[in-house]
C-alpha atoms as a PDB file:
ATOM      1  CA  MET A   1      99.890 101.490  95.166  1.00  0.00           C
ATOM      2  CA  LEU A   2      98.454 101.990  98.633  1.00  0.00           C
ATOM      3  CA  ARG A   3      97.925 105.790  97.839  1.00  0.00           C
ATOM      4  CA  LYS A   4      94.504 106.248  96.488  1.00  0.00           C
ATOM      5  CA  ASP A   5      95.719 109.448  94.694  1.00  0.00           C
ATOM      6  CA  LEU A   6      98.727 107.745  93.029  1.00  0.00           C
ATOM      7  CA  LEU A   7      97.458 108.003  89.494  1.00  0.00           C
ATOM      8  CA  GLN A   8      96.475 111.595  90.015  1.00  0.00           C
ATOM      9  CA  LEU A   9     100.068 112.296  90.880  1.00  0.00           C
ATOM     10  CA  VAL A  10     101.219 110.385  87.827  1.00  0.00           C
ATOM     11  CA  ARG A  11      98.918 112.384  85.593  1.00  0.00           C
ATOM     12  CA  ARG A  12     100.366 115.609  87.107  1.00  0.00           C
ATOM     13  CA  ASP A  13     103.831 114.472  86.313  1.00  0.00           C
ATOM     14  CA  SER A  14     102.846 113.368  82.820  1.00  0.00           C
ATOM     15  CA  GLU A  15     101.250 116.732  82.066  1.00  0.00           C
ATOM     16  CA  ARG A  16     104.424 118.493  83.048  1.00  0.00           C
ATOM     17  CA  GLY A  17     106.531 116.323  80.836  1.00  0.00           C
ATOM     18  CA  MET A  18     108.193 114.365  83.629  1.00  0.00           C
ATOM     19  CA  ALA A  19     108.910 110.597  83.496  1.00  0.00           C
ATOM     20  CA  ALA A  20     107.031 108.601  86.097  1.00  0.00           C
ATOM     21  CA  GLY A  21     107.682 105.072  87.336  1.00  0.00           C
ATOM     22  CA  VAL A  22     106.392 102.824  90.036  1.00  0.00           C
ATOM     23  CA  ASN A  23     107.814  99.855  91.886  1.00  0.00           C
ATOM     24  CA  THR A  24     105.245  97.460  93.181  1.00  0.00           C
ATOM     25  CA  ASN A  25     104.623  93.885  94.421  1.00  0.00           C
ATOM     26  CA  GLY A  26     101.701  93.827  92.021  1.00  0.00           C
ATOM     27  CA  THR A  27      99.032  92.830  94.505  1.00  0.00           C
ATOM     28  CA  PHE A  28      97.016  95.970  93.889  1.00  0.00           C
ATOM     29  CA  LEU A  29      97.165  96.030  90.145  1.00  0.00           C
ATOM     30  CA  HIS A  30      93.932  94.104  89.592  1.00  0.00           C
ATOM     31  CA  GLY A  31      91.093  96.337  88.430  1.00  0.00           C
ATOM     32  CA  ARG A  32      93.330  99.289  87.676  1.00  0.00           C
ATOM     33  CA  GLY A  33      94.838  98.319  84.330  1.00  0.00           C
ATOM     34  CA  GLN A  34      92.765 100.786  82.235  1.00  0.00           C
ATOM     35  CA  ASP A  35      93.367 103.687  84.652  1.00  0.00           C
ATOM     36  CA  ILE A  36      97.096 102.973  84.933  1.00  0.00           C
ATOM     37  CA  VAL A  37      97.582 103.092  81.177  1.00  0.00           C
ATOM     38  CA  SER A  38      95.446 106.267  80.867  1.00  0.00           C
ATOM     39  CA  SER A  39      97.411 108.035  83.559  1.00  0.00           C
ATOM     40  CA  GLY A  40     100.495 108.318  81.424  1.00  0.00           C
ATOM     41  CA  LEU A  41     102.695 106.195  83.580  1.00  0.00           C
ATOM     42  CA  ASP A  42     106.063 105.517  81.812  1.00  0.00           C
ATOM     43  CA  TYR A  43     107.388 102.477  83.685  1.00  0.00           C
ATOM     44  CA  ILE A  44     106.169  99.942  86.164  1.00  0.00           C
ATOM     45  CA  LEU A  45     108.467  97.417  87.937  1.00  0.00           C
ATOM     46  CA  VAL A  46     106.586  94.398  89.324  1.00  0.00           C
ATOM     47  CA  SER A  47     108.283  92.022  91.800  1.00  0.00           C
ATOM     48  CA  LEU A  48     107.867  88.342  91.230  1.00  0.00           C
ATOM     49  CA  ASP A  49     109.985  85.946  93.244  1.00  0.00           C
ATOM     50  CA  GLY A  50     109.233  82.673  91.488  1.00  0.00           C
ATOM     51  CA  ARG A  51     106.392  80.343  90.644  1.00  0.00           C
ATOM     52  CA  ARG A  52     103.257  80.256  92.844  1.00  0.00           C
ATOM     53  CA  GLU A  53     104.540  78.019  95.662  1.00  0.00           C
ATOM     54  CA  ILE A  54     107.869  79.787  96.041  1.00  0.00           C
ATOM     55  CA  ASN A  55     106.528  83.320  95.475  1.00  0.00           C
ATOM     56  CA  ASN A  56     103.851  82.851  98.145  1.00  0.00           C
ATOM     57  CA  LEU A  57     106.469  81.323 100.529  1.00  0.00           C
ATOM     58  CA  ILE A  58     108.600  84.384 100.252  1.00  0.00           C
ATOM     59  CA  ARG A  59     105.668  86.947 100.124  1.00  0.00           C
ATOM     60  CA  ILE A  60     104.273  86.032 103.543  1.00  0.00           C
ATOM     61  CA  GLY A  61     100.549  86.257 103.979  1.00  0.00           C
ATOM     62  CA  SER A  62      97.308  84.384 103.687  1.00  0.00           C
ATOM     63  CA  ARG A  63      96.444  85.686 100.251  1.00  0.00           C
ATOM     64  CA  ASP A  64      97.594  84.154  96.965  1.00  0.00           C
ATOM     65  CA  SER A  65     100.067  86.978  96.166  1.00  0.00           C
ATOM     66  CA  PHE A  66     101.258  85.209  92.998  1.00  0.00           C
ATOM     67  CA  GLY A  67      97.734  84.978  91.514  1.00  0.00           C
ATOM     68  CA  MET A  68      97.032  88.573  92.326  1.00  0.00           C
ATOM     69  CA  THR A  69     100.258  89.762  90.748  1.00  0.00           C
ATOM     70  CA  THR A  70     100.033  87.702  87.580  1.00  0.00           C
ATOM     71  CA  GLU A  71      96.402  88.630  86.970  1.00  0.00           C
ATOM     72  CA  GLY A  72      97.228  92.261  87.534  1.00  0.00           C
ATOM     73  CA  VAL A  73     100.018  92.120  84.967  1.00  0.00           C
ATOM     74  CA  HIS A  74      97.748  90.264  82.482  1.00  0.00           C
ATOM     75  CA  GLU A  75      95.203  92.949  82.981  1.00  0.00           C
ATOM     76  CA  LEU A  76      97.727  95.768  82.416  1.00  0.00           C
ATOM     77  CA  VAL A  77      99.097  94.181  79.257  1.00  0.00           C
ATOM     78  CA  ALA A  78      95.525  93.806  77.901  1.00  0.00           C
ATOM     79  CA  ALA A  79      94.639  97.385  78.813  1.00  0.00           C
ATOM     80  CA  ARG A  80      97.759  98.655  77.068  1.00  0.00           C
ATOM     81  CA  LYS A  81      96.917  96.667  73.923  1.00  0.00           C
ATOM     82  CA  ARG A  82      93.304  97.956  73.879  1.00  0.00           C
ATOM     83  CA  GLN A  83      94.481 101.574  74.070  1.00  0.00           C
ATOM     84  CA  GLY A  84      97.166 101.084  71.495  1.00  0.00           C
ATOM     85  CA  ALA A  85      99.668 102.334  74.087  1.00  0.00           C
ATOM     86  CA  LEU A  86     103.370 101.590  74.486  1.00  0.00           C
ATOM     87  CA  CYS A  87     103.530 102.586  78.123  1.00  0.00           C
ATOM     88  CA  PRO A  88     103.915 101.762  80.783  1.00  0.00           C
ATOM     89  CA  PHE A  89     106.746  99.454  80.068  1.00  0.00           C
ATOM     90  CA  ILE A  90     106.552  96.466  82.266  1.00  0.00           C
ATOM     91  CA  GLU A  91     109.571  94.950  84.002  1.00  0.00           C
ATOM     92  CA  ILE A  92     109.254  91.810  85.984  1.00  0.00           C
ATOM     93  CA  PHE A  93     111.831  91.993  88.909  1.00  0.00           C
ATOM     94  CA  MET A  94     113.172  88.977  90.751  1.00  0.00           C
ATOM     95  CA  THR A  95     115.404  89.342  93.894  1.00  0.00           C
ATOM     96  CA  LEU A  96     117.479  86.247  94.525  1.00  0.00           C
ATOM     97  CA  THR A  97     117.241  84.555  97.944  1.00  0.00           C
ATOM     98  CA  PRO A  98     118.288  81.019  99.239  1.00  0.00           C
ATOM     99  CA  GLU A  99     114.564  80.119  98.686  1.00  0.00           C
ATOM    100  CA  ASN A 100     114.134  81.144  95.089  1.00  0.00           C
ATOM    101  CA  GLN A 101     117.698  80.715  93.505  1.00  0.00           C
ATOM    102  CA  ASP A 102     116.538  77.635  91.614  1.00  0.00           C
ATOM    103  CA  GLU A 103     113.547  79.606  90.121  1.00  0.00           C
ATOM    104  CA  ILE A 104     115.475  81.870  87.834  1.00  0.00           C
ATOM    105  CA  LEU A 105     114.698  80.169  84.565  1.00  0.00           C
ATOM    106  CA  PRO A 106     111.072  79.343  85.254  1.00  0.00           C
ATOM    107  CA  THR A 107     110.457  82.933  86.385  1.00  0.00           C
ATOM    108  CA  ALA A 108     112.181  84.260  83.237  1.00  0.00           C
ATOM    109  CA  ARG A 109     109.963  82.064  81.088  1.00  0.00           C
ATOM    110  CA  LEU A 110     106.865  83.081  83.039  1.00  0.00           C
ATOM    111  CA  ALA A 111     107.720  86.831  82.531  1.00  0.00           C
ATOM    112  CA  ARG A 112     107.691  86.258  78.731  1.00  0.00           C
ATOM    113  CA  GLU A 113     104.302  84.470  79.020  1.00  0.00           C
ATOM    114  CA  LEU A 114     102.939  87.361  80.991  1.00  0.00           C
ATOM    115  CA  GLY A 115     103.872  89.762  78.155  1.00  0.00           C
ATOM    116  CA  ALA A 116     106.382  91.801  80.099  1.00  0.00           C
ATOM    117  CA  ASP A 117     108.841  93.998  78.175  1.00  0.00           C
ATOM    118  CA  TYR A 118     111.890  93.339  80.514  1.00  0.00           C
ATOM    119  CA  PHE A 119     112.955  90.678  82.966  1.00  0.00           C
ATOM    120  CA  SER A 120     115.508  91.528  85.619  1.00  0.00           C
ATOM    121  CA  ILE A 121     117.380  89.851  88.528  1.00  0.00           C
ATOM    122  CA  ALA A 122     118.714  91.458  91.620  1.00  0.00           C
ATOM    123  CA  ALA A 123     121.623  89.637  93.275  1.00  0.00           C
ATOM    124  CA  GLY A 124     120.265  90.908  96.599  1.00  0.00           C
ATOM    125  CA  MET A 125     121.566  93.537  99.037  1.00  0.00           C
ATOM    126  CA  PHE A 126     122.854  92.126 102.467  1.00  0.00           C
ATOM    127  CA  THR A 127     125.382  92.513 105.149  1.00  0.00           C
ATOM    128  CA  THR A 128     126.410  90.567 108.167  1.00  0.00           C
ATOM    129  CA  PRO A 129     125.709  91.354 111.901  1.00  0.00           C
ATOM    130  CA  GLU A 130     129.420  92.091 112.494  1.00  0.00           C
ATOM    131  CA  ILE A 131     129.818  94.431 109.456  1.00  0.00           C
ATOM    132  CA  ALA A 132     126.565  96.346 110.346  1.00  0.00           C
ATOM    133  CA  ALA A 133     127.657  96.759 113.960  1.00  0.00           C
ATOM    134  CA  GLU A 134     131.103  98.114 112.866  1.00  0.00           C
ATOM    135  CA  SER A 135     129.476 100.400 110.377  1.00  0.00           C
ATOM    136  CA  GLU A 136     126.946 101.719 112.975  1.00  0.00           C
ATOM    137  CA  LEU A 137     129.843 102.598 115.344  1.00  0.00           C
ATOM    138  CA  GLU A 138     131.859 104.344 112.581  1.00  0.00           C
ATOM    139  CA  TYR A 139     128.693 106.240 111.359  1.00  0.00           C
ATOM    140  CA  GLU A 140     127.904 107.512 114.874  1.00  0.00           C
ATOM    141  CA  ALA A 141     131.429 108.570 115.507  1.00  0.00           C
ATOM    142  CA  GLU A 142     131.505 110.545 112.181  1.00  0.00           C
ATOM    143  CA  PHE A 143     128.027 112.152 112.213  1.00  0.00           C
ATOM    144  CA  GLY A 144     126.883 112.018 115.845  1.00  0.00           C
ATOM    145  CA  ILE A 145     123.616 110.238 115.087  1.00  0.00           C
ATOM    146  CA  SER A 146     122.629 106.563 114.924  1.00  0.00           C
ATOM    147  CA  ALA A 147     122.231 104.713 111.683  1.00  0.00           C
ATOM    148  CA  HIS A 148     118.957 102.881 111.375  1.00  0.00           C
ATOM    149  CA  PHE A 149     119.059 100.978 108.035  1.00  0.00           C
ATOM    150  CA  TYR A 150     122.156  98.769 108.297  1.00  0.00           C
ATOM    151  CA  ARG A 151     120.568  96.163 110.539  1.00  0.00           C
ATOM    152  CA  GLY A 152     117.655  95.802 108.147  1.00  0.00           C
ATOM    153  CA  PHE A 153     120.030  94.384 105.515  1.00  0.00           C
ATOM    154  CA  VAL A 154     121.449  91.730 107.700  1.00  0.00           C
ATOM    155  CA  ARG A 155     120.694  88.461 105.858  1.00  0.00           C
ATOM    156  CA  ASP A 156     122.218  84.861 105.760  1.00  0.00           C
ATOM    157  CA  VAL A 157     123.180  84.074 102.246  1.00  0.00           C
ATOM    158  CA  ARG A 158     125.534  81.172 102.907  1.00  0.00           C
ATOM    159  CA  GLY A 159     122.987  78.962 101.300  1.00  0.00           C
ATOM    160  CA  MET A 160     123.398  80.512  97.796  1.00  0.00           C
ATOM    161  CA  ASN A 161     124.974  78.452  95.054  1.00  0.00           C
ATOM    162  CA  PRO A 162     126.926  80.882  92.803  1.00  0.00           C
ATOM    163  CA  ALA A 163     127.812  78.361  90.155  1.00  0.00           C
ATOM    164  CA  ASN A 164     124.162  77.334  89.563  1.00  0.00           C
ATOM    165  CA  ILE A 165     123.000  80.934  89.697  1.00  0.00           C
ATOM    166  CA  MET A 166     125.489  81.964  87.195  1.00  0.00           C
ATOM    167  CA  ARG A 167     124.610  79.071  84.868  1.00  0.00           C
ATOM    168  CA  ASP A 168     120.935  80.015  84.945  1.00  0.00           C
ATOM    169  CA  ILE A 169     121.713  83.774  84.459  1.00  0.00           C
ATOM    170  CA  CYS A 170     123.624  82.846  81.367  1.00  0.00           C
ATOM    171  CA  ALA A 171     120.672  80.919  80.008  1.00  0.00           C
ATOM    172  CA  VAL A 172     118.334  83.880  80.767  1.00  0.00           C
ATOM    173  CA  ARG A 173     120.648  86.175  78.847  1.00  0.00           C
ATOM    174  CA  GLU A 174     120.067  83.972  75.801  1.00  0.00           C
ATOM    175  CA  LEU A 175     116.429  83.961  76.422  1.00  0.00           C
ATOM    176  CA  TRP A 176     115.773  87.638  76.910  1.00  0.00           C
ATOM    177  CA  GLY A 177     118.784  89.240  75.111  1.00  0.00           C
ATOM    178  CA  ALA A 178     119.006  92.994  75.496  1.00  0.00           C
ATOM    179  CA  ARG A 179     115.736  93.081  77.444  1.00  0.00           C
ATOM    180  CA  PHE A 180     117.335  91.278  80.381  1.00  0.00           C
ATOM    181  CA  LYS A 181     118.719  93.469  83.238  1.00  0.00           C
ATOM    182  CA  GLU A 182     120.950  92.633  86.159  1.00  0.00           C
ATOM    183  CA  TYR A 183     121.130  94.653  89.413  1.00  0.00           C
ATOM    184  CA  PRO A 184     124.012  95.259  89.822  1.00  0.00           C
ATOM    185  CA  PRO A 185     125.443  94.382  86.368  1.00  0.00           C
ATOM    186  CA  ILE A 186     127.263  91.036  87.200  1.00  0.00           C
ATOM    187  CA  THR A 187     130.912  91.834  86.163  1.00  0.00           C
ATOM    188  CA  PHE A 188     132.239  90.341  89.322  1.00  0.00           C
ATOM    189  CA  ASP A 189     132.533  86.817  90.865  1.00  0.00           C
ATOM    190  CA  LEU A 190     129.331  85.635  92.440  1.00  0.00           C
ATOM    191  CA  ALA A 191     131.160  83.549  95.052  1.00  0.00           C
ATOM    192  CA  THR A 192     132.842  86.743  96.231  1.00  0.00           C
ATOM    193  CA  TYR A 193     129.674  88.635  96.250  1.00  0.00           C
ATOM    194  CA  TYR A 194     127.860  86.231  98.495  1.00  0.00           C
ATOM    195  CA  TYR A 195     130.640  84.694 100.650  1.00  0.00           C
ATOM    196  CA  HIS A 196     132.919  87.649 101.174  1.00  0.00           C
ATOM    197  CA  PRO A 197     130.781  90.869 101.713  1.00  0.00           C
ATOM    198  CA  GLU A 198     133.642  92.472 103.437  1.00  0.00           C
ATOM    199  CA  GLN A 199     135.399  92.720 100.090  1.00  0.00           C
ATOM    200  CA  LYS A 200     134.541  95.612  97.803  1.00  0.00           C
ATOM    201  CA  LEU A 201     133.442  94.722  94.262  1.00  0.00           C
ATOM    202  CA  SER A 202     134.757  97.871  92.649  1.00  0.00           C
ATOM    203  CA  THR A 203     137.144 100.770  93.207  1.00  0.00           C
ATOM    204  CA  ARG A 204     134.657 103.191  91.683  1.00  0.00           C
ATOM    205  CA  GLN A 205     133.457 105.960  93.917  1.00  0.00           C
ATOM    206  CA  CYS A 206     129.731 106.112  94.753  1.00  0.00           C
ATOM    207  CA  ILE A 207     128.412 109.244  92.891  1.00  0.00           C
ATOM    208  CA  ALA A 208     124.756 109.008  94.138  1.00  0.00           C
ATOM    209  CA  PRO A 209     125.252 112.064  96.441  1.00  0.00           C
ATOM    210  CA  TRP A 210     126.016 114.220  93.402  1.00  0.00           C
ATOM    211  CA  LEU A 211     123.166 112.843  91.269  1.00  0.00           C
ATOM    212  CA  THR A 212     120.070 112.116  93.400  1.00  0.00           C
ATOM    213  CA  MET A 213     117.752 113.501  95.989  1.00  0.00           C
ATOM    214  CA  GLN A 214     115.643 111.052  98.017  1.00  0.00           C
ATOM    215  CA  ILE A 215     112.609 112.594  99.392  1.00  0.00           C
ATOM    216  CA  MET A 216     110.969 110.523 102.206  1.00  0.00           C
ATOM    217  CA  PRO A 217     107.196 110.494 102.730  1.00  0.00           C
ATOM    218  CA  ASP A 218     107.399 113.213 105.365  1.00  0.00           C
ATOM    219  CA  GLY A 219     109.515 115.539 103.212  1.00  0.00           C
ATOM    220  CA  VAL A 220     112.849 114.606 104.829  1.00  0.00           C
ATOM    221  CA  PHE A 221     115.700 114.775 102.205  1.00  0.00           C
ATOM    222  CA  ALA A 222     118.473 112.220 102.273  1.00  0.00           C
ATOM    223  CA  PHE A 223     120.982 111.094  99.526  1.00  0.00           C
ATOM    224  CA  CYS A 224     121.029 107.307  99.520  1.00  0.00           C
ATOM    225  CA  GLU A 225     117.863 105.504  98.329  1.00  0.00           C
ATOM    226  CA  ASP A 226     118.548 102.365 100.418  1.00  0.00           C
ATOM    227  CA  PHE A 227     120.603 103.788 103.423  1.00  0.00           C
ATOM    228  CA  ALA A 228     118.760 107.011 103.932  1.00  0.00           C
ATOM    229  CA  ASP A 229     120.349 107.442 107.472  1.00  0.00           C
ATOM    230  CA  LEU A 230     121.534 111.035 107.147  1.00  0.00           C
ATOM    231  CA  PRO A 231     118.671 113.493 107.102  1.00  0.00           C
ATOM    232  CA  CYS A 232     119.757 116.709 105.430  1.00  0.00           C
ATOM    233  CA  GLY A 233     116.688 118.783 106.136  1.00  0.00           C
ATOM    234  CA  ASN A 234     113.071 118.825 105.011  1.00  0.00           C
ATOM    235  CA  VAL A 235     111.750 120.121 101.672  1.00  0.00           C
ATOM    236  CA  THR A 236     108.541 121.390 103.244  1.00  0.00           C
ATOM    237  CA  GLN A 237     110.625 123.756 105.326  1.00  0.00           C
ATOM    238  CA  ALA A 238     113.447 124.860 103.048  1.00  0.00           C
ATOM    239  CA  HIS A 239     114.180 125.087  99.344  1.00  0.00           C
ATOM    240  CA  PRO A 240     115.713 121.819  97.963  1.00  0.00           C
ATOM    241  CA  LEU A 241     118.771 123.704  96.622  1.00  0.00           C
ATOM    242  CA  GLU A 242     119.504 125.074 100.011  1.00  0.00           C
ATOM    243  CA  LEU A 243     119.319 121.562 101.477  1.00  0.00           C
ATOM    244  CA  TRP A 244     121.418 120.243  98.566  1.00  0.00           C
ATOM    245  CA  ASN A 245     124.298 122.585  99.587  1.00  0.00           C
ATOM    246  CA  ASN A 246     124.046 122.793 103.296  1.00  0.00           C
ATOM    247  CA  ALA A 247     126.730 121.683 105.832  1.00  0.00           C
ATOM    248  CA  ARG A 248     125.388 118.232 106.344  1.00  0.00           C
ATOM    249  CA  SER A 249     125.041 117.462 102.618  1.00  0.00           C
ATOM    250  CA  CYS A 250     128.645 118.720 102.133  1.00  0.00           C
ATOM    251  CA  ALA A 251     129.816 116.510 105.010  1.00  0.00           C
ATOM    252  CA  TRP A 252     128.233 113.465 103.461  1.00  0.00           C
ATOM    253  CA  ARG A 253     129.847 114.122 100.049  1.00  0.00           C
ATOM    254  CA  ARG A 254     133.191 114.702 101.703  1.00  0.00           C
ATOM    255  CA  ARG A 255     132.829 111.349 103.561  1.00  0.00           C
ATOM    256  CA  ILE A 256     132.117 109.458 100.365  1.00  0.00           C
ATOM    257  CA  ARG A 257     134.814 111.244  98.410  1.00  0.00           C
ATOM    258  CA  THR A 258     137.488 110.637 100.950  1.00  0.00           C
ATOM    259  CA  LYS A 259     136.654 107.422 102.653  1.00  0.00           C
ATOM    260  CA  GLY A 260     134.044 105.756 100.411  1.00  0.00           C
ATOM    261  CA  VAL A 261     130.873 103.995 101.547  1.00  0.00           C
ATOM    262  CA  PHE A 262     130.502 102.287 104.851  1.00  0.00           C
ATOM    263  CA  GLY A 263     131.204  98.557 105.108  1.00  0.00           C
ATOM    264  CA  ALA A 264     127.503  97.668 105.433  1.00  0.00           C
ATOM    265  CA  GLU A 265     126.894  99.291 102.103  1.00  0.00           C
ATOM    266  CA  SER A 266     129.431  97.110 100.174  1.00  0.00           C
ATOM    267  CA  ARG A 267     126.588  95.317  98.344  1.00  0.00           C
ATOM    268  CA  CYS A 268     124.547  98.471  97.609  1.00  0.00           C
ATOM    269  CA  VAL A 269     123.129  98.208  94.094  1.00  0.00           C
ATOM    270  CA  ALA A 270     123.059 101.948  93.457  1.00  0.00           C
ATOM    271  CA  HIS A 271     126.787 102.174  94.062  1.00  0.00           C
ATOM    272  CA  HIS A 272     127.235 100.008  90.969  1.00  0.00           C
ATOM    273  CA  LEU A 273     124.546 101.555  88.797  1.00  0.00           C
ATOM    274  CA  TYR A 274     125.485 105.294  88.841  1.00  0.00           C
END
C-alpha cells in the first residue's frame, strides 16, 4: 500500500484476467475504499493482532494502528456494498504471539463485526538461534553464499500456551465454520510445534520450488516466499523460463528433493500449504 501506483497495477492485472490480491497491515486503507473496489482487486488480507491495546502494543508506533485498520476495513466493506460488488474478499489475519495468544476469540468476534469474509490464524513462523546458526553453516557449505533470512525468524515462543490456544481455536471453528482458515492447517500437536522446533511436522516434501516464482522488488527471482536466500537470476535481465531451468534453480530443487528443507525452515507455513 506504500506504492502510489498499486491500484493501477491491480487494474492492469484485472483487465488481463489475472487474479490480484494484497496483504496489508491496513493502516493505509482509509480514504481508498471506493478506489480499491473499483480497481478489480480480488482479495485483501488485513493483519489484526487483537483488540486496540494489544494490537497497538505489537504494531509498534505512535499512531493508533488499530483504529486506522478497523476504520479502513469499515470503509472498504461500505464501498463494496455501495457498488454492489463481491470483491475484494476481505480476510482478517491474526498471527499468534506470546502477547496476543489470549486474544483469539475477541479478535474472531471483532472480525465478524467488521464484516470480513474470512478470519484466519497463523501459528507463527520461528526458529531458535542454534537451529538458525546450524542452517546457515549448512546452507553456505552447499551453495557457497550466506543465508540472510534465518536469523530474522529467531523468536522466543516458550511463553505460548498450546492447550489454551487449541481450546480457543476450536471455539473459533464453531463461530466461523468454513470461513475460518489456519496457517498452517493445524493437524499436529501444538506443544510440539512451539516447544520442539527441531522436530518436523510432516514427512511431505516441500513442492514450492516446482510451483512458485517469487519476484523481489528489484526483479531478483527466488523460489521461497519467506526464505528467499537463493537468488536464481533477475527477470529484468533474462526470460523467466530461462531462470526457472538454470543450474542454480535445478540445484535448489535437487537439494529439496534429496535432503528436504533446512532446519530453520521447519515451521515454514508454505511447506504445509502446497
